[in-house]
Protein backbone atom coordinates (compact mmCIF):
# COMPACT_ATOMS: atom_id res chain seq x y z
CA MET A 1 43.06 42.04 -320.85
CA GLY A 2 42.12 39.49 -323.52
CA ALA A 3 44.13 36.49 -324.62
CA GLU A 4 44.87 38.03 -328.02
CA GLU A 5 46.25 41.21 -326.42
CA VAL A 6 48.59 39.20 -324.14
CA LEU A 7 49.90 37.17 -327.08
CA GLY A 8 50.43 40.34 -329.08
CA ARG A 9 52.51 41.94 -326.33
CA ARG A 10 54.67 38.79 -326.05
CA ARG A 11 55.30 38.84 -329.81
CA LYS A 12 56.38 42.50 -329.59
CA ARG A 13 58.85 41.72 -326.81
CA CYS A 14 60.37 38.87 -328.86
CA TRP A 15 60.69 41.00 -331.98
CA ALA A 16 62.21 43.89 -330.03
CA GLY A 17 64.83 41.59 -328.49
CA GLY A 18 65.57 39.80 -331.73
CA GLY A 19 64.12 36.56 -330.38
CA ARG A 20 65.94 34.49 -327.76
CA GLY A 21 69.25 36.35 -327.41
CA ALA A 22 72.53 35.44 -325.72
CA GLY A 23 71.57 37.47 -322.67
CA GLN A 24 68.41 35.49 -322.24
CA GLU A 25 70.27 32.17 -322.63
CA ALA A 26 72.81 33.17 -320.00
CA GLU A 27 70.00 34.23 -317.69
CA GLU A 28 68.26 30.91 -318.18
CA VAL A 29 71.46 28.97 -317.41
CA MET A 30 72.12 31.04 -314.30
CA GLY A 31 68.56 30.51 -313.36
CA ASN A 32 69.11 26.72 -313.43
CA PRO A 33 71.13 25.90 -310.27
CA GLY A 34 71.98 22.33 -311.40
CA THR A 35 73.44 23.46 -314.70
CA PHE A 36 75.36 26.32 -313.11
CA LYS A 37 76.89 24.04 -310.43
CA ARG A 38 77.92 21.47 -313.02
CA GLY A 39 79.63 24.25 -315.00
CA LEU A 40 81.58 25.38 -311.96
CA LEU A 41 82.60 21.81 -311.17
CA LEU A 42 83.86 21.19 -314.71
CA SER A 43 85.83 24.46 -314.66
CA ALA A 44 87.42 23.54 -311.33
CA LEU A 45 88.32 20.08 -312.57
CA SER A 46 89.81 21.52 -315.76
CA TYR A 47 91.91 23.97 -313.75
CA LEU A 48 93.09 21.26 -311.36
CA GLY A 49 93.91 19.03 -314.32
CA PHE A 50 96.01 21.76 -315.91
CA GLU A 51 97.81 22.45 -312.64
CA THR A 52 98.49 18.72 -312.20
CA TYR A 53 99.84 18.53 -315.76
CA GLN A 54 102.17 21.45 -315.07
CA VAL A 55 103.46 19.87 -311.86
CA ILE A 56 104.03 16.52 -313.60
CA SER A 57 105.75 18.21 -316.54
CA GLN A 58 108.04 20.21 -314.28
CA ALA A 59 108.85 17.09 -312.26
CA ALA A 60 109.67 15.23 -315.48
CA VAL A 61 112.01 18.02 -316.60
CA VAL A 62 113.76 18.06 -313.21
CA HIS A 63 114.10 14.27 -313.30
CA ALA A 64 115.46 14.34 -316.86
CA THR A 65 117.94 17.07 -315.95
CA ALA A 66 119.09 15.14 -312.90
CA LYS A 67 119.53 12.03 -315.03
CA VAL A 68 121.62 13.92 -317.61
CA GLU A 69 123.81 15.33 -314.85
CA GLU A 70 124.32 11.84 -313.48
CA ILE A 71 125.29 10.50 -316.91
CA LEU A 72 127.72 13.38 -317.44
CA GLU A 73 129.38 12.67 -314.10
CA GLN A 74 129.80 9.02 -315.04
CA ALA A 75 131.13 9.98 -318.46
CA ASP A 76 133.67 12.42 -317.07
CA TYR A 77 134.85 9.86 -314.53
CA LEU A 78 135.37 7.23 -317.25
CA TYR A 79 137.15 9.75 -319.47
CA GLU A 80 139.54 10.79 -316.71
CA SER A 81 140.12 7.10 -315.91
CA GLY A 82 141.04 6.35 -319.52
CA GLU A 83 138.16 3.90 -319.94
CA THR A 84 137.67 4.74 -323.60
CA GLU A 85 135.51 1.81 -324.67
CA LYS A 86 133.35 1.82 -321.53
CA LEU A 87 132.76 5.53 -322.03
CA TYR A 88 131.73 4.95 -325.63
CA GLN A 89 129.36 2.14 -324.61
CA LEU A 90 127.80 4.36 -321.95
CA LEU A 91 127.22 7.35 -324.21
CA THR A 92 125.99 5.45 -327.27
CA GLN A 93 122.93 4.52 -325.22
CA TYR A 94 121.98 8.20 -325.45
CA LYS A 95 122.92 8.89 -329.05
CA GLU A 96 119.40 10.18 -329.75
CA SER A 97 119.70 12.73 -326.97
CA GLU A 98 118.97 16.38 -327.59
CA ASP A 99 121.52 17.48 -324.98
CA ALA A 100 124.62 19.18 -326.43
CA GLU A 101 126.77 18.22 -323.43
CA LEU A 102 126.06 14.54 -324.02
CA LEU A 103 126.50 14.80 -327.77
CA TRP A 104 129.92 16.46 -327.83
CA ARG A 105 131.17 13.96 -325.28
CA LEU A 106 129.88 11.18 -327.52
CA ALA A 107 131.73 12.77 -330.46
CA ARG A 108 134.92 12.78 -328.40
CA ALA A 109 134.38 9.18 -327.27
CA SER A 110 133.74 8.01 -330.85
CA ARG A 111 136.92 9.69 -331.99
CA ASP A 112 138.93 8.22 -329.12
CA VAL A 113 137.76 4.69 -329.99
CA ALA A 114 138.75 5.36 -333.60
CA GLN A 115 142.27 6.21 -332.39
CA LEU A 116 142.75 2.89 -330.58
CA SER A 117 145.38 0.65 -332.17
CA ARG A 118 143.06 -2.34 -332.18
CA THR A 119 140.39 -0.51 -334.17
CA SER A 120 140.38 -1.65 -337.79
CA GLU A 121 140.69 0.88 -340.62
CA GLU A 122 137.11 0.24 -341.69
CA GLU A 123 135.79 0.76 -338.17
CA LYS A 124 137.97 3.82 -337.75
CA LYS A 125 136.48 5.48 -340.81
CA LEU A 126 132.93 4.78 -339.61
CA LEU A 127 133.73 6.15 -336.15
CA VAL A 128 135.36 9.29 -337.57
CA TYR A 129 132.26 10.17 -339.57
CA GLU A 130 130.05 9.17 -336.63
CA ALA A 131 131.99 11.52 -334.37
CA LEU A 132 131.55 14.38 -336.83
CA GLU A 133 127.78 13.80 -336.93
CA TYR A 134 127.50 13.87 -333.13
CA ALA A 135 129.60 17.04 -332.95
CA LYS A 136 127.44 18.67 -335.62
CA ARG A 137 124.27 17.82 -333.70
CA ALA A 138 125.79 19.16 -330.48
CA LEU A 139 126.53 22.43 -332.25
CA GLU A 140 122.98 22.62 -333.61
CA LYS A 141 121.57 22.12 -330.12
CA ASN A 142 123.79 24.71 -328.48
CA GLU A 143 125.86 27.17 -330.50
CA SER A 144 127.06 28.76 -327.26
CA SER A 145 128.93 25.61 -326.22
CA PHE A 146 132.66 26.16 -326.66
CA ALA A 147 133.28 22.40 -326.43
CA SER A 148 130.83 21.73 -329.28
CA HIS A 149 132.75 24.18 -331.50
CA LYS A 150 136.09 22.68 -330.49
CA TRP A 151 135.10 19.07 -331.14
CA TYR A 152 133.33 19.91 -334.37
CA ALA A 153 136.58 21.46 -335.63
CA ILE A 154 138.64 18.46 -334.46
CA CYS A 155 136.27 15.91 -336.02
CA LEU A 156 136.06 17.87 -339.26
CA SER A 157 139.85 17.78 -339.46
CA ASP A 158 139.78 13.99 -339.09
CA VAL A 159 137.27 13.58 -341.91
CA GLY A 160 139.67 15.38 -344.26
CA ASP A 161 141.92 12.30 -344.21
CA TYR A 162 139.26 10.46 -346.20
CA GLU A 163 138.14 13.21 -348.55
CA GLY A 164 141.32 14.35 -350.28
CA ILE A 165 143.48 17.46 -350.24
CA LYS A 166 140.88 19.76 -351.81
CA ALA A 167 138.28 19.01 -349.14
CA LYS A 168 140.96 19.20 -346.45
CA ILE A 169 142.02 22.69 -347.47
CA ALA A 170 138.41 23.82 -347.86
CA ASN A 171 137.63 22.51 -344.38
CA ALA A 172 140.64 24.35 -342.97
CA TYR A 173 138.74 27.65 -343.15
CA ILE A 174 135.83 26.15 -341.21
CA ILE A 175 138.14 24.50 -338.69
CA LYS A 176 139.79 27.83 -337.98
CA GLU A 177 136.43 29.57 -337.50
CA HIS A 178 135.27 27.03 -334.94
CA PHE A 179 138.53 27.04 -332.98
CA GLU A 180 138.35 30.83 -332.86
CA LYS A 181 134.72 30.66 -331.71
CA ALA A 182 135.63 28.13 -329.02
CA ILE A 183 138.34 30.48 -327.77
CA GLU A 184 135.92 33.42 -327.84
CA LEU A 185 133.39 31.47 -325.75
CA ASN A 186 136.04 30.17 -323.34
CA PRO A 187 139.29 32.18 -323.44
CA LYS A 188 140.79 29.94 -320.74
CA ASP A 189 140.46 26.66 -322.62
CA ALA A 190 144.08 25.72 -323.23
CA THR A 191 143.22 22.98 -325.71
CA SER A 192 141.39 25.26 -328.13
CA ILE A 193 144.16 27.86 -327.92
CA HIS A 194 146.83 25.23 -328.46
CA LEU A 195 145.02 23.74 -331.47
CA MET A 196 144.62 27.19 -333.00
CA GLY A 197 148.39 27.53 -332.62
CA ILE A 198 148.88 24.21 -334.39
CA TRP A 199 146.60 25.40 -337.20
CA CYS A 200 148.76 28.50 -337.67
CA TYR A 201 151.98 26.47 -337.36
CA THR A 202 150.80 23.96 -339.97
CA PHE A 203 150.15 26.58 -342.62
CA ALA A 204 153.16 28.67 -341.68
CA GLU A 205 155.49 25.73 -342.42
CA MET A 206 153.75 24.65 -345.62
CA PRO A 207 156.42 24.23 -348.36
CA TRP A 208 156.32 26.45 -351.45
CA TYR A 209 155.27 23.61 -353.79
CA GLN A 210 152.29 22.77 -351.57
CA ARG A 211 151.32 26.44 -351.56
CA ARG A 212 151.47 26.45 -355.35
CA ILE A 213 149.18 23.44 -355.56
CA ALA A 214 146.84 25.01 -353.02
CA LYS A 215 146.65 28.18 -355.13
CA MET A 216 145.65 26.06 -358.11
CA LEU A 217 142.70 24.75 -356.08
CA PHE A 218 141.79 27.97 -354.27
CA ALA A 219 142.31 31.61 -355.17
CA THR A 220 143.30 32.42 -351.59
CA PRO A 221 144.39 29.24 -349.75
CA PRO A 222 144.74 29.28 -345.95
CA SER A 223 147.92 30.89 -344.70
CA SER A 224 149.50 31.92 -341.44
CA THR A 225 152.81 32.88 -339.84
CA TYR A 226 155.09 31.57 -337.12
CA GLU A 227 154.42 34.81 -335.23
CA LYS A 228 150.70 34.05 -335.01
CA ALA A 229 151.42 30.48 -333.96
CA LEU A 230 153.82 31.77 -331.32
CA GLY A 231 151.15 34.10 -329.98
CA TYR A 232 148.72 31.22 -329.46
CA PHE A 233 151.36 29.02 -327.85
CA HIS A 234 152.20 31.82 -325.41
CA ARG A 235 148.52 32.06 -324.55
CA ALA A 236 148.41 28.28 -324.10
CA GLU A 237 151.38 28.59 -321.74
CA GLN A 238 149.38 30.98 -319.61
CA ALA A 239 146.50 28.50 -319.66
CA LYS A 240 148.81 25.77 -318.31
CA ASN A 241 149.08 23.59 -321.42
CA VAL A 242 152.38 21.63 -321.54
CA LEU A 243 152.64 20.54 -325.17
CA HIS A 244 152.83 24.11 -326.51
CA PHE A 245 156.43 24.30 -325.21
CA PHE A 246 157.74 22.31 -328.17
CA PHE A 247 156.03 24.65 -330.61
CA LEU A 248 157.27 27.71 -328.76
CA VAL A 249 160.77 26.40 -329.35
CA SER A 250 160.16 25.74 -333.03
CA CYS A 251 158.69 29.20 -333.61
CA SER A 252 161.31 31.05 -331.56
CA THR A 253 164.57 29.28 -332.43
CA SER A 254 165.26 28.32 -336.03
CA LYS A 255 167.75 25.54 -335.25
CA PHE A 256 164.99 23.58 -333.48
CA VAL A 257 162.52 23.86 -336.34
CA TYR A 258 163.78 20.72 -338.05
CA LEU A 259 163.57 18.71 -334.82
CA VAL A 260 160.05 19.77 -334.00
CA LYS A 261 158.90 19.47 -337.60
CA HIS A 262 159.97 15.85 -337.86
CA SER A 263 158.75 15.07 -334.36
CA PHE A 264 155.43 16.82 -334.97
CA HIS A 265 153.21 13.75 -334.97
CA PHE A 266 155.09 12.24 -332.03
CA TYR A 267 154.34 15.24 -329.83
CA ILE A 268 150.75 15.48 -330.99
CA THR A 269 150.18 11.89 -329.92
CA PHE A 270 150.76 12.97 -326.34
CA SER A 271 148.49 15.99 -326.49
CA CYS A 272 145.32 15.96 -324.44
CA VAL A 273 143.17 15.45 -327.52
CA HIS A 274 145.62 13.58 -329.78
CA VAL A 275 145.06 15.94 -332.69
CA SER A 276 147.01 16.12 -335.92
CA LEU A 277 146.26 18.85 -338.40
CA SER A 278 148.83 17.80 -340.99
CA PHE A 279 148.03 18.96 -344.50
CA SER A 280 150.86 17.16 -346.31
CA LEU A 281 150.08 16.32 -349.93
């Protein structure tokens, strides 16, 4: 066979295969032991690197979770001990946290500091709005947290003191929704049930002239009845809340209404959350 014939056959094979195809390249690589071994080594290292990354990531998550749990334990201890300012100082270190449990506790702590007698009016206002922001963030992080709903409602009520009667009445609808959601998520939370009773009581006792003004601002202003308030206070009684007793009396016996009405803020001061939902004009 001549040289020209051999070259011709090679050209035909190349044309038939479309030149140097992917199959040929793979065959050449496999045919080079050094290249093939290096490929296997790189693949193994990549896999081990990914596995290491997963282990480190999981360890970091576990560590972060453990740290959050530790902070929550400290926070709850300080809260139960009445160390309001220490609690606030502890939690403000984590104000950028994405954890709803930390954030609603920070909202509560901010509000509690605002309630201290030695807190100036200017500081109180800043803390009230700060508390609302933390509660809002807690709610955004976990809408299934009953405590986030409860404290958002409480903090929103506080803000109304600085935004006028129109905003206060408008917020009343939202406050009610979040108390109801808190109760739905945790039917045994006496505080949420009690506060929903106070909401009903507040609007049930609203004088006629306040209702008239409210109707001028809203087509259908918030309203309620003593019967609804009584129902919530009975539920609070079953949940072992003490303060509801005074409201049970006011809703059940007319001659005690005046006493409870004028002692309203006094009793609220001793509630477990120190909440006042007064809508007086």
